Amino acid sequence: VASGSIFSFNTMGWYRQAVGKERELVAVVTSDRTKLYADSVK
């Protein structure tokens, strides 16, 4: 849940970071509900 912004959010989603690895995209969704997934979680 997001709070405190006077502007709306275009995109919200999730990234993850495993030990010893870089942060990577998991899934995001835009304001028009377009969704994007990492291949590993589709």
Full PDB file with SEQRES, HELIX, SHEET, SSBOND, CRYST1, ORIGX, SCALE, CONECT and MASTER records, all heavy atoms in Angstrom:
SEQRES   1 A   42  VAL ALA SER GLY SER ILE PHE SER PHE ASN THR MET GLY          
SEQRES   2 A   42  TRP TYR ARG GLN ALA VAL GLY LYS GLU ARG GLU LEU VAL          
SEQRES   3 A   42  ALA VAL VAL THR SER ASP ARG THR LYS LEU TYR ALA ASP          
SEQRES   4 A   42  SER VAL LYS                                                  
SHEET    1 AA1 3 THR A  11  ARG A  16  0                                        
SHEET    2 AA1 3 GLU A  24  THR A  30 -1                                        
SHEET    3 AA1 3 LYS A  35  TYR A  37 -1                                        
CRYST1    1.000    1.000    1.000  90.00  90.00  90.00 P 1           1          
ORIGX1      1.000000  0.000000  0.000000        0.00000                         
ORIGX2      0.000000  1.000000  0.000000        0.00000                         
ORIGX3      0.000000  0.000000  1.000000        0.00000                         
SCALE1      1.000000  0.000000  0.000000        0.00000                         
SCALE2      0.000000  1.000000  0.000000        0.00000                         
SCALE3      0.000000  0.000000  1.000000        0.00000                         
ATOM      1  N   VAL A   1       0.854  -1.187   0.000  1.00  0.00           N  
ATOM      2  CA  VAL A   1       0.000   0.000   0.000  1.00  0.00           C  
ATOM      3  C   VAL A   1       0.888   1.235   0.000  1.00  0.00           C  
ATOM      4  O   VAL A   1       1.872   1.311   0.728  1.00  0.00           O  
ATOM      5  CB  VAL A   1      -0.962  -0.004   1.205  1.00  0.00           C  
ATOM      6  CG1 VAL A   1      -0.215  -0.073   2.514  1.00  0.00           C  
ATOM      7  CG2 VAL A   1      -1.878   1.195   1.161  1.00  0.00           C  
ATOM      8  N   ALA A   2       0.522   2.177  -0.841  1.00  0.00           N  
ATOM      9  CA  ALA A   2       1.266   3.434  -0.948  1.00  0.00           C  
ATOM     10  C   ALA A   2       0.471   4.559  -0.296  1.00  0.00           C  
ATOM     11  O   ALA A   2      -0.757   4.575  -0.352  1.00  0.00           O  
ATOM     12  CB  ALA A   2       1.522   3.761  -2.413  1.00  0.00           C  
ATOM     13  N   SER A   3       1.188   5.478   0.307  1.00  0.00           N  
ATOM     14  CA  SER A   3       0.523   6.616   0.937  1.00  0.00           C  
ATOM     15  C   SER A   3       1.418   7.845   0.864  1.00  0.00           C  
ATOM     16  O   SER A   3       2.614   7.735   0.628  1.00  0.00           O  
ATOM     17  CB  SER A   3       0.189   6.306   2.398  1.00  0.00           C  
ATOM     18  OG  SER A   3       1.379   6.084   3.137  1.00  0.00           O  
ATOM     19  N   GLY A   4       0.798   8.994   1.036  1.00  0.00           N  
ATOM     20  CA  GLY A   4       1.553  10.230   1.156  1.00  0.00           C  
ATOM     21  C   GLY A   4       1.851  10.955  -0.136  1.00  0.00           C  
ATOM     22  O   GLY A   4       2.472  12.014  -0.125  1.00  0.00           O  
ATOM     23  N   SER A   5       1.399  10.424  -1.270  1.00  0.00           N  
ATOM     24  CA  SER A   5       1.699  11.093  -2.532  1.00  0.00           C  
ATOM     25  C   SER A   5       0.510  11.942  -2.975  1.00  0.00           C  
ATOM     26  O   SER A   5      -0.625  11.484  -2.927  1.00  0.00           O  
ATOM     27  CB  SER A   5       2.019  10.075  -3.618  1.00  0.00           C  
ATOM     28  OG  SER A   5       2.234  10.724  -4.857  1.00  0.00           O  
ATOM     29  N   ILE A   6       0.813  13.130  -3.434  1.00  0.00           N  
ATOM     30  CA  ILE A   6      -0.258  13.967  -3.992  1.00  0.00           C  
ATOM     31  C   ILE A   6      -0.438  13.682  -5.469  1.00  0.00           C  
ATOM     32  O   ILE A   6      -1.375  14.165  -6.093  1.00  0.00           O  
ATOM     33  CB  ILE A   6       0.024  15.463  -3.769  1.00  0.00           C  
ATOM     34  CG1 ILE A   6       1.309  15.900  -4.479  1.00  0.00           C  
ATOM     35  CG2 ILE A   6       0.090  15.773  -2.284  1.00  0.00           C  
ATOM     36  CD1 ILE A   6       1.534  17.407  -4.424  1.00  0.00           C  
ATOM     37  N   PHE A   7       0.473  12.880  -6.032  1.00  0.00           N  
ATOM     38  CA  PHE A   7       0.358  12.463  -7.423  1.00  0.00           C  
ATOM     39  C   PHE A   7      -0.024  10.989  -7.463  1.00  0.00           C  
ATOM     40  O   PHE A   7       0.283  10.222  -6.562  1.00  0.00           O  
ATOM     41  CB  PHE A   7       1.694  12.666  -8.142  1.00  0.00           C  
ATOM     42  CG  PHE A   7       2.202  14.073  -8.111  1.00  0.00           C  
ATOM     43  CD1 PHE A   7       3.264  14.431  -7.295  1.00  0.00           C  
ATOM     44  CD2 PHE A   7       1.609  15.052  -8.887  1.00  0.00           C  
ATOM     45  CE1 PHE A   7       3.731  15.728  -7.254  1.00  0.00           C  
ATOM     46  CE2 PHE A   7       2.065  16.360  -8.863  1.00  0.00           C  
ATOM     47  CZ  PHE A   7       3.127  16.699  -8.042  1.00  0.00           C  
ATOM     48  N   SER A   8      -0.680  10.598  -8.499  1.00  0.00           N  
ATOM     49  CA  SER A   8      -1.016   9.187  -8.655  1.00  0.00           C  
ATOM     50  C   SER A   8       0.209   8.430  -9.179  1.00  0.00           C  
ATOM     51  O   SER A   8       1.204   9.033  -9.579  1.00  0.00           O  
ATOM     52  CB  SER A   8      -2.204   9.022  -9.595  1.00  0.00           C  
ATOM     53  OG  SER A   8      -1.910   9.569 -10.854  1.00  0.00           O  
ATOM     54  N   PHE A   9       0.112   7.131  -9.185  1.00  0.00           N  
ATOM     55  CA  PHE A   9       1.219   6.288  -9.624  1.00  0.00           C  
ATOM     56  C   PHE A   9       0.912   5.688 -10.993  1.00  0.00           C  
ATOM     57  O   PHE A   9      -0.126   5.062 -11.191  1.00  0.00           O  
ATOM     58  CB  PHE A   9       1.477   5.177  -8.619  1.00  0.00           C  
ATOM     59  CG  PHE A   9       1.943   5.683  -7.283  1.00  0.00           C  
ATOM     60  CD1 PHE A   9       1.079   5.697  -6.203  1.00  0.00           C  
ATOM     61  CD2 PHE A   9       3.223   6.168  -7.117  1.00  0.00           C  
ATOM     62  CE1 PHE A   9       1.487   6.163  -4.974  1.00  0.00           C  
ATOM     63  CE2 PHE A   9       3.652   6.652  -5.888  1.00  0.00           C  
ATOM     64  CZ  PHE A   9       2.779   6.650  -4.814  1.00  0.00           C  
ATOM     65  N   ASN A  10       1.847   5.881 -11.921  1.00  0.00           N  
ATOM     66  CA  ASN A  10       1.691   5.262 -13.224  1.00  0.00           C  
ATOM     67  C   ASN A  10       1.873   3.760 -13.141  1.00  0.00           C  
ATOM     68  O   ASN A  10       1.064   2.981 -13.629  1.00  0.00           O  
ATOM     69  CB  ASN A  10       2.706   5.834 -14.218  1.00  0.00           C  
ATOM     70  CG  ASN A  10       2.259   7.155 -14.795  1.00  0.00           C  
ATOM     71  OD1 ASN A  10       1.077   7.452 -14.870  1.00  0.00           O  
ATOM     72  ND2 ASN A  10       3.209   7.957 -15.212  1.00  0.00           N  
ATOM     73  N   THR A  11       2.959   3.358 -12.524  1.00  0.00           N  
ATOM     74  CA  THR A  11       3.336   1.954 -12.478  1.00  0.00           C  
ATOM     75  C   THR A  11       3.575   1.522 -11.038  1.00  0.00           C  
ATOM     76  O   THR A  11       4.199   2.251 -10.267  1.00  0.00           O  
ATOM     77  CB  THR A  11       4.618   1.705 -13.287  1.00  0.00           C  
ATOM     78  OG1 THR A  11       4.412   2.122 -14.641  1.00  0.00           O  
ATOM     79  CG2 THR A  11       5.012   0.234 -13.268  1.00  0.00           C  
ATOM     80  N   MET A  12       3.071   0.353 -10.701  1.00  0.00           N  
ATOM     81  CA  MET A  12       3.378  -0.267  -9.410  1.00  0.00           C  
ATOM     82  C   MET A  12       3.759  -1.708  -9.663  1.00  0.00           C  
ATOM     83  O   MET A  12       3.314  -2.316 -10.653  1.00  0.00           O  
ATOM     84  CB  MET A  12       2.178  -0.197  -8.464  1.00  0.00           C  
ATOM     85  CG  MET A  12       1.781   1.205  -8.073  1.00  0.00           C  
ATOM     86  SD  MET A  12       0.516   1.242  -6.780  1.00  0.00           S  
ATOM     87  CE  MET A  12       1.487   0.765  -5.340  1.00  0.00           C  
ATOM     88  N   GLY A  13       4.580  -2.247  -8.800  1.00  0.00           N  
ATOM     89  CA  GLY A  13       4.960  -3.632  -9.014  1.00  0.00           C  
ATOM     90  C   GLY A  13       5.948  -4.147  -7.997  1.00  0.00           C  
ATOM     91  O   GLY A  13       6.083  -3.592  -6.901  1.00  0.00           O  
ATOM     92  N   TRP A  14       6.643  -5.190  -8.406  1.00  0.00           N  
ATOM     93  CA  TRP A  14       7.532  -5.916  -7.500  1.00  0.00           C  
ATOM     94  C   TRP A  14       8.861  -6.244  -8.173  1.00  0.00           C  
ATOM     95  O   TRP A  14       8.892  -6.661  -9.342  1.00  0.00           O  
ATOM     96  CB  TRP A  14       6.861  -7.224  -7.058  1.00  0.00           C  
ATOM     97  CG  TRP A  14       5.590  -6.995  -6.312  1.00  0.00           C  
ATOM     98  CD1 TRP A  14       4.330  -6.890  -6.838  1.00  0.00           C  
ATOM     99  CD2 TRP A  14       5.447  -6.811  -4.901  1.00  0.00           C  
ATOM    100  NE1 TRP A  14       3.414  -6.657  -5.837  1.00  0.00           N  
ATOM    101  CE2 TRP A  14       4.070  -6.609  -4.646  1.00  0.00           C  
ATOM    102  CE3 TRP A  14       6.337  -6.820  -3.830  1.00  0.00           C  
ATOM    103  CZ2 TRP A  14       3.580  -6.405  -3.357  1.00  0.00           C  
ATOM    104  CZ3 TRP A  14       5.841  -6.610  -2.551  1.00  0.00           C  
ATOM    105  CH2 TRP A  14       4.488  -6.412  -2.326  1.00  0.00           C  
ATOM    106  N   TYR A  15       9.915  -6.053  -7.413  1.00  0.00           N  
ATOM    107  CA  TYR A  15      11.242  -6.523  -7.759  1.00  0.00           C  
ATOM    108  C   TYR A  15      11.679  -7.476  -6.657  1.00  0.00           C  
ATOM    109  O   TYR A  15      11.087  -7.503  -5.576  1.00  0.00           O  
ATOM    110  CB  TYR A  15      12.228  -5.357  -7.851  1.00  0.00           C  
ATOM    111  CG  TYR A  15      12.153  -4.568  -9.134  1.00  0.00           C  
ATOM    112  CD1 TYR A  15      11.021  -3.832  -9.476  1.00  0.00           C  
ATOM    113  CD2 TYR A  15      13.235  -4.528 -10.014  1.00  0.00           C  
ATOM    114  CE1 TYR A  15      10.956  -3.108 -10.651  1.00  0.00           C  
ATOM    115  CE2 TYR A  15      13.192  -3.790 -11.189  1.00  0.00           C  
ATOM    116  CZ  TYR A  15      12.050  -3.078 -11.504  1.00  0.00           C  
ATOM    117  OH  TYR A  15      11.994  -2.356 -12.665  1.00  0.00           O  
ATOM    118  N   ARG A  16      12.723  -8.216  -6.911  1.00  0.00           N  
ATOM    119  CA  ARG A  16      13.278  -9.076  -5.862  1.00  0.00           C  
ATOM    120  C   ARG A  16      14.796  -9.105  -5.956  1.00  0.00           C  
ATOM    121  O   ARG A  16      15.370  -8.859  -7.016  1.00  0.00           O  
ATOM    122  CB  ARG A  16      12.720 -10.498  -5.965  1.00  0.00           C  
ATOM    123  CG  ARG A  16      13.157 -11.282  -7.198  1.00  0.00           C  
ATOM    124  CD  ARG A  16      12.420 -12.613  -7.270  1.00  0.00           C  
ATOM    125  NE  ARG A  16      12.817 -13.389  -8.434  1.00  0.00           N  
ATOM    126  CZ  ARG A  16      12.236 -14.533  -8.804  1.00  0.00           C  
ATOM    127  NH1 ARG A  16      11.226 -15.026  -8.098  1.00  0.00           N  
ATOM    128  NH2 ARG A  16      12.667 -15.171  -9.874  1.00  0.00           N  
ATOM    129  N   GLN A  17      15.406  -9.413  -4.820  1.00  0.00           N  
ATOM    130  CA  GLN A  17      16.865  -9.496  -4.774  1.00  0.00           C  
ATOM    131  C   GLN A  17      17.255 -10.683  -3.909  1.00  0.00           C  
ATOM    132  O   GLN A  17      16.956 -10.709  -2.701  1.00  0.00           O  
ATOM    133  CB  GLN A  17      17.470  -8.210  -4.227  1.00  0.00           C  
ATOM    134  CG  GLN A  17      18.977  -8.176  -4.310  1.00  0.00           C  
ATOM    135  CD  GLN A  17      19.546  -6.797  -4.062  1.00  0.00           C  
ATOM    136  OE1 GLN A  17      18.898  -5.911  -3.509  1.00  0.00           O  
ATOM    137  NE2 GLN A  17      20.776  -6.587  -4.501  1.00  0.00           N  
ATOM    138  N   ALA A  18      17.899 -11.641  -4.524  1.00  0.00           N  
ATOM    139  CA  ALA A  18      18.425 -12.803  -3.809  1.00  0.00           C  
ATOM    140  C   ALA A  18      19.838 -12.498  -3.325  1.00  0.00           C  
ATOM    141  O   ALA A  18      20.508 -11.592  -3.843  1.00  0.00           O  
ATOM    142  CB  ALA A  18      18.421 -14.021  -4.722  1.00  0.00           C  
ATOM    143  N   VAL A  19      20.289 -13.254  -2.373  1.00  0.00           N  
ATOM    144  CA  VAL A  19      21.629 -13.039  -1.818  1.00  0.00           C  
ATOM    145  C   VAL A  19      22.669 -13.198  -2.913  1.00  0.00           C  
ATOM    146  O   VAL A  19      22.668 -14.193  -3.654  1.00  0.00           O  
ATOM    147  CB  VAL A  19      21.890 -14.031  -0.668  1.00  0.00           C  
ATOM    148  CG1 VAL A  19      23.328 -13.919  -0.190  1.00  0.00           C  
ATOM    149  CG2 VAL A  19      20.920 -13.781   0.481  1.00  0.00           C  
ATOM    150  N   GLY A  20      23.525 -12.202  -3.033  1.00  0.00           N  
ATOM    151  CA  GLY A  20      24.600 -12.261  -4.004  1.00  0.00           C  
ATOM    152  C   GLY A  20      24.204 -11.928  -5.426  1.00  0.00           C  
ATOM    153  O   GLY A  20      25.020 -12.050  -6.336  1.00  0.00           O  
ATOM    154  N   LYS A  21      22.951 -11.518  -5.612  1.00  0.00           N  
ATOM    155  CA  LYS A  21      22.466 -11.198  -6.963  1.00  0.00           C  
ATOM    156  C   LYS A  21      21.943  -9.766  -7.015  1.00  0.00           C  
ATOM    157  O   LYS A  21      21.662  -9.157  -5.987  1.00  0.00           O  
ATOM    158  CB  LYS A  21      21.372 -12.178  -7.377  1.00  0.00           C  
ATOM    159  CG  LYS A  21      21.857 -13.611  -7.511  1.00  0.00           C  
ATOM    160  CD  LYS A  21      20.792 -14.491  -8.116  1.00  0.00           C  
ATOM    161  CE  LYS A  21      21.302 -15.908  -8.334  1.00  0.00           C  
ATOM    162  NZ  LYS A  21      20.263 -16.778  -8.956  1.00  0.00           N  
ATOM    163  N   GLU A  22      21.790  -9.271  -8.228  1.00  0.00           N  
ATOM    164  CA  GLU A  22      21.239  -7.933  -8.421  1.00  0.00           C  
ATOM    165  C   GLU A  22      19.711  -7.966  -8.294  1.00  0.00           C  
ATOM    166  O   GLU A  22      19.078  -8.999  -8.505  1.00  0.00           O  
ATOM    167  CB  GLU A  22      21.644  -7.391  -9.793  1.00  0.00           C  
ATOM    168  CG  GLU A  22      23.136  -7.147  -9.936  1.00  0.00           C  
ATOM    169  CD  GLU A  22      23.482  -6.442 -11.246  1.00  0.00           C  
ATOM    170  OE1 GLU A  22      22.580  -6.263 -12.080  1.00  0.00           O  
ATOM    171  OE2 GLU A  22      24.651  -6.081 -11.419  1.00  0.00           O  
ATOM    172  N   ARG A  23      19.175  -6.814  -7.976  1.00  0.00           N  
ATOM    173  CA  ARG A  23      17.720  -6.694  -7.916  1.00  0.00           C  
ATOM    174  C   ARG A  23      17.144  -6.867  -9.322  1.00  0.00           C  
ATOM    175  O   ARG A  23      17.680  -6.306 -10.291  1.00  0.00           O  
ATOM    176  CB  ARG A  23      17.336  -5.336  -7.343  1.00  0.00           C  
ATOM    177  CG  ARG A  23      15.872  -5.206  -6.976  1.00  0.00           C  
ATOM    178  CD  ARG A  23      15.588  -3.904  -6.228  1.00  0.00           C  
ATOM    179  NE  ARG A  23      16.269  -3.863  -4.943  1.00  0.00           N  
ATOM    180  CZ  ARG A  23      16.045  -2.930  -4.019  1.00  0.00           C  
ATOM    181  NH1 ARG A  23      15.146  -1.976  -4.241  1.00  0.00           N  
ATOM    182  NH2 ARG A  23      16.701  -2.938  -2.871  1.00  0.00           N  
ATOM    183  N   GLU A  24      16.058  -7.636  -9.426  1.00  0.00           N  
ATOM    184  CA  GLU A  24      15.472  -7.917 -10.738  1.00  0.00           C  
ATOM    185  C   GLU A  24      13.965  -7.712 -10.702  1.00  0.00           C  
ATOM    186  O   GLU A  24      13.313  -7.883  -9.669  1.00  0.00           O  
ATOM    187  CB  GLU A  24      15.765  -9.357 -11.169  1.00  0.00           C  
ATOM    188  CG  GLU A  24      15.183 -10.422 -10.268  1.00  0.00           C  
ATOM    189  CD  GLU A  24      15.432 -11.833 -10.770  1.00  0.00           C  
ATOM    190  OE1 GLU A  24      16.140 -12.000 -11.781  1.00  0.00           O  
ATOM    191  OE2 GLU A  24      14.917 -12.782 -10.141  1.00  0.00           O  
ATOM    192  N   LEU A  25      13.433  -7.363 -11.863  1.00  0.00           N  
ATOM    193  CA  LEU A  25      11.992  -7.178 -11.989  1.00  0.00           C  
ATOM    194  C   LEU A  25      11.284  -8.522 -11.859  1.00  0.00           C  
ATOM    195  O   LEU A  25      11.729  -9.530 -12.423  1.00  0.00           O  
ATOM    196  CB  LEU A  25      11.680  -6.536 -13.340  1.00  0.00           C  
ATOM    197  CG  LEU A  25      10.213  -6.267 -13.657  1.00  0.00           C  
ATOM    198  CD1 LEU A  25      10.079  -4.974 -14.471  1.00  0.00           C  
ATOM    199  CD2 LEU A  25       9.562  -7.413 -14.423  1.00  0.00           C  
ATOM    200  N   VAL A  26      10.173  -8.512 -11.133  1.00  0.00           N  
ATOM    201  CA  VAL A  26       9.321  -9.694 -11.032  1.00  0.00           C  
ATOM    202  C   VAL A  26       8.047  -9.466 -11.851  1.00  0.00           C  
ATOM    203  O   VAL A  26       7.725 -10.240 -12.743  1.00  0.00           O  
ATOM    204  CB  VAL A  26       8.951  -9.998  -9.573  1.00  0.00           C  
ATOM    205  CG1 VAL A  26       7.998 -11.194  -9.503  1.00  0.00           C  
ATOM    206  CG2 VAL A  26      10.200 -10.265  -8.747  1.00  0.00           C  
ATOM    207  N   ALA A  27       7.332  -8.413 -11.523  1.00  0.00           N  
ATOM    208  CA  ALA A  27       6.094  -8.090 -12.234  1.00  0.00           C  
ATOM    209  C   ALA A  27       5.715  -6.645 -11.950  1.00  0.00           C  
ATOM    210  O   ALA A  27       5.937  -6.155 -10.841  1.00  0.00           O  
ATOM    211  CB  ALA A  27       4.954  -9.013 -11.792  1.00  0.00           C  
ATOM    212  N   VAL A  28       5.171  -5.967 -12.960  1.00  0.00           N  
ATOM    213  CA  VAL A  28       4.671  -4.607 -12.785  1.00  0.00           C  
ATOM    214  C   VAL A  28       3.321  -4.485 -13.482  1.00  0.00           C  
ATOM    215  O   VAL A  28       3.015  -5.248 -14.403  1.00  0.00           O  
ATOM    216  CB  VAL A  28       5.645  -3.544 -13.328  1.00  0.00           C  
ATOM    217  CG1 VAL A  28       6.922  -3.503 -12.513  1.00  0.00           C  
ATOM    218  CG2 VAL A  28       5.938  -3.774 -14.796  1.00  0.00           C  
ATOM    219  N   VAL A  29       2.543  -3.501 -13.029  1.00  0.00           N  
ATOM    220  CA  VAL A  29       1.248  -3.225 -13.647  1.00  0.00           C  
ATOM    221  C   VAL A  29       1.106  -1.711 -13.766  1.00  0.00           C  
ATOM    222  O   VAL A  29       1.432  -0.967 -12.841  1.00  0.00           O  
ATOM    223  CB  VAL A  29       0.086  -3.843 -12.835  1.00  0.00           C  
ATOM    224  CG1 VAL A  29       0.112  -3.394 -11.375  1.00  0.00           C  
ATOM    225  CG2 VAL A  29      -1.260  -3.536 -13.462  1.00  0.00           C  
ATOM    226  N   THR A  30       0.641  -1.263 -14.928  1.00  0.00           N  
ATOM    227  CA  THR A  30       0.507   0.165 -15.170  1.00  0.00           C  
ATOM    228  C   THR A  30      -0.884   0.654 -14.759  1.00  0.00           C  
ATOM    229  O   THR A  30      -1.753  -0.133 -14.379  1.00  0.00           O  
ATOM    230  CB  THR A  30       0.741   0.482 -16.650  1.00  0.00           C  
ATOM    231  OG1 THR A  30      -0.296  -0.160 -17.412  1.00  0.00           O  
ATOM    232  CG2 THR A  30       2.095  -0.028 -17.108  1.00  0.00           C  
ATOM    233  N   SER A  31      -1.071   1.958 -14.877  1.00  0.00           N  
ATOM    234  CA  SER A  31      -2.356   2.550 -14.489  1.00  0.00           C  
ATOM    235  C   SER A  31      -3.491   2.069 -15.386  1.00  0.00           C  
ATOM    236  O   SER A  31      -4.644   2.075 -14.960  1.00  0.00           O  
ATOM    237  CB  SER A  31      -2.267   4.072 -14.509  1.00  0.00           C  
ATOM    238  OG  SER A  31      -1.827   4.516 -15.773  1.00  0.00           O  
ATOM    239  N   ASP A  32      -3.179   1.658 -16.627  1.00  0.00           N  
ATOM    240  CA  ASP A  32      -4.232   1.117 -17.496  1.00  0.00           C  
ATOM    241  C   ASP A  32      -4.313  -0.402 -17.390  1.00  0.00           C  
ATOM    242  O   ASP A  32      -4.919  -1.067 -18.226  1.00  0.00           O  
ATOM    243  CB  ASP A  32      -4.031   1.550 -18.948  1.00  0.00           C  
ATOM    244  CG  ASP A  32      -2.761   0.967 -19.566  1.00  0.00           C  
ATOM    245  OD1 ASP A  32      -2.020   0.250 -18.862  1.00  0.00           O  
ATOM    246  OD2 ASP A  32      -2.511   1.241 -20.748  1.00  0.00           O  
ATOM    247  N   ARG A  33      -3.632  -0.947 -16.358  1.00  0.00           N  
ATOM    248  CA  ARG A  33      -3.698  -2.377 -16.004  1.00  0.00           C  
ATOM    249  C   ARG A  33      -2.939  -3.263 -16.991  1.00  0.00           C  
ATOM    250  O   ARG A  33      -3.187  -4.466 -17.042  1.00  0.00           O  
ATOM    251  CB  ARG A  33      -5.139  -2.843 -15.829  1.00  0.00           C  
ATOM    252  CG  ARG A  33      -5.915  -2.091 -14.749  1.00  0.00           C  
ATOM    253  CD  ARG A  33      -5.224  -2.096 -13.419  1.00  0.00           C  
ATOM    254  NE  ARG A  33      -6.046  -1.541 -12.339  1.00  0.00           N  
ATOM    255  CZ  ARG A  33      -5.937  -0.300 -11.872  1.00  0.00           C  
ATOM    256  NH1 ARG A  33      -5.059   0.535 -12.406  1.00  0.00           N  
ATOM    257  NH2 ARG A  33      -6.713   0.110 -10.882  1.00  0.00           N  
ATOM    258  N   THR A  34      -2.029  -2.688 -17.762  1.00  0.00           N  
ATOM    259  CA  THR A  34      -1.116  -3.509 -18.551  1.00  0.00           C  
ATOM    260  C   THR A  34      -0.129  -4.179 -17.598  1.00  0.00           C  
ATOM    261  O   THR A  34       0.412  -3.526 -16.699  1.00  0.00           O  
ATOM    262  CB  THR A  34      -0.352  -2.660 -19.571  1.00  0.00           C  
ATOM    263  OG1 THR A  34      -1.288  -2.041 -20.451  1.00  0.00           O  
ATOM    264  CG2 THR A  34       0.613  -3.513 -20.361  1.00  0.00           C  
ATOM    265  N   LYS A  35       0.121  -5.482 -17.796  1.00  0.00           N  
ATOM    266  CA  LYS A  35       0.978  -6.239 -16.883  1.00  0.00           C  
ATOM    267  C   LYS A  35       2.201  -6.780 -17.609  1.00  0.00           C  
ATOM    268  O   LYS A  35       2.127  -7.189 -18.767  1.00  0.00           O  
ATOM    269  CB  LYS A  35       0.179  -7.390 -16.270  1.00  0.00           C  
ATOM    270  CG  LYS A  35      -1.031  -6.915 -15.480  1.00  0.00           C  
ATOM    271  CD  LYS A  35      -1.870  -8.074 -14.978  1.00  0.00           C  
ATOM    272  CE  LYS A  35      -3.101  -7.560 -14.241  1.00  0.00           C  
ATOM    273  NZ  LYS A  35      -3.956  -8.668 -13.740  1.00  0.00           N  
ATOM    274  N   LEU A  36       3.308  -6.789 -16.885  1.00  0.00           N  
ATOM    275  CA  LEU A  36       4.558  -7.315 -17.420  1.00  0.00           C  
ATOM    276  C   LEU A  36       5.151  -8.244 -16.377  1.00  0.00           C  
ATOM    277  O   LEU A  36       5.234  -7.883 -15.204  1.00  0.00           O  
ATOM    278  CB  LEU A  36       5.531  -6.167 -17.717  1.00  0.00           C  
ATOM    279  CG  LEU A  36       6.946  -6.552 -18.141  1.00  0.00           C  
ATOM    280  CD1 LEU A  36       6.922  -7.212 -19.508  1.00  0.00           C  
ATOM    281  CD2 LEU A  36       7.847  -5.328 -18.160  1.00  0.00           C  
ATOM    282  N   TYR A  37       5.571  -9.437 -16.816  1.00  0.00           N  
ATOM    283  CA  TYR A  37       6.146 -10.432 -15.920  1.00  0.00           C  
ATOM    284  C   TYR A  37       7.540 -10.840 -16.379  1.00  0.00           C  
ATOM    285  O   TYR A  37       7.811 -10.915 -17.577  1.00  0.00           O  
ATOM    286  CB  TYR A  37       5.275 -11.691 -15.881  1.00  0.00           C  
ATOM    287  CG  TYR A  37       3.905 -11.512 -15.280  1.00  0.00           C  
ATOM    288  CD1 TYR A  37       2.801 -11.256 -16.092  1.00  0.00           C  
ATOM    289  CD2 TYR A  37       3.705 -11.609 -13.908  1.00  0.00           C  
ATOM    290  CE1 TYR A  37       1.540 -11.101 -15.552  1.00  0.00           C  
ATOM    291  CE2 TYR A  37       2.445 -11.457 -13.355  1.00  0.00           C  
ATOM    292  CZ  TYR A  37       1.367 -11.206 -14.182  1.00  0.00           C  
ATOM    293  OH  TYR A  37       0.114 -11.050 -13.633  1.00  0.00           O  
ATOM    294  N   ALA A  38       8.384 -11.176 -15.429  1.00  0.00           N  
ATOM    295  CA  ALA A  38       9.649 -11.824 -15.752  1.00  0.00           C  
ATOM    296  C   ALA A  38       9.340 -13.209 -16.294  1.00  0.00           C  
ATOM    297  O   ALA A  38       8.391 -13.865 -15.849  1.00  0.00           O  
ATOM    298  CB  ALA A  38      10.526 -11.921 -14.517  1.00  0.00           C  
ATOM    299  N   ASP A  39      10.148 -13.677 -17.235  1.00  0.00           N  
ATOM    300  CA  ASP A  39       9.910 -14.995 -17.816  1.00  0.00           C  
ATOM    301  C   ASP A  39       9.909 -16.088 -16.746  1.00  0.00           C  
ATOM    302  O   ASP A  39       9.160 -17.066 -16.856  1.00  0.00           O  
ATOM    303  CB  ASP A  39      10.979 -15.307 -18.861  1.00  0.00           C  
ATOM    304  CG  ASP A  39      10.802 -14.501 -20.136  1.00  0.00           C  
ATOM    305  OD1 ASP A  39       9.700 -13.951 -20.347  1.00  0.00           O  
ATOM    306  OD2 ASP A  39      11.770 -14.410 -20.910  1.00  0.00           O  
ATOM    307  N   SER A  40      10.715 -15.911 -15.728  1.00  0.00           N  
ATOM    308  CA  SER A  40      10.874 -16.952 -14.716  1.00  0.00           C  
ATOM    309  C   SER A  40       9.628 -17.145 -13.845  1.00  0.00           C  
ATOM    310  O   SER A  40       9.508 -18.160 -13.159  1.00  0.00           O  
ATOM    311  CB  SER A  40      12.067 -16.632 -13.820  1.00  0.00           C  
ATOM    312  OG  SER A  40      11.880 -15.384 -13.187  1.00  0.00           O  
ATOM    313  N   VAL A  41       8.699 -16.180 -13.877  1.00  0.00           N  
ATOM    314  CA  VAL A  41       7.511 -16.291 -13.019  1.00  0.00           C  
ATOM    315  C   VAL A  41       6.210 -16.376 -13.814  1.00  0.00           C  
ATOM    316  O   VAL A  41       5.141 -16.559 -13.224  1.00  0.00           O  
ATOM    317  CB  VAL A  41       7.425 -15.116 -12.017  1.00  0.00           C  
ATOM    318  CG1 VAL A  41       8.724 -14.988 -11.234  1.00  0.00           C  
ATOM    319  CG2 VAL A  41       7.073 -13.812 -12.702  1.00  0.00           C  
ATOM    320  N   LYS A  42       6.284 -16.258 -15.121  1.00  0.00           N  
ATOM    321  CA  LYS A  42       5.071 -16.330 -15.946  1.00  0.00           C  
ATOM    322  C   LYS A  42       4.340 -17.644 -15.714  1.00  0.00           C  
ATOM    323  O   LYS A  42       4.952 -18.710 -15.678  1.00  0.00           O  
ATOM    324  CB  LYS A  42       5.433 -16.192 -17.427  1.00  0.00           C  
ATOM    325  CG  LYS A  42       5.732 -14.775 -17.862  1.00  0.00           C  
ATOM    326  CD  LYS A  42       6.079 -14.726 -19.345  1.00  0.00           C  
ATOM    327  CE  LYS A  42       6.414 -13.305 -19.774  1.00  0.00           C  
ATOM    328  NZ  LYS A  42       6.843 -13.250 -21.193  1.00  0.00           N  
TER     329      LYS A  42                                                      
MASTER        0    0    0    0    3    0    0    6  328    1    0    4          
END                                                                             
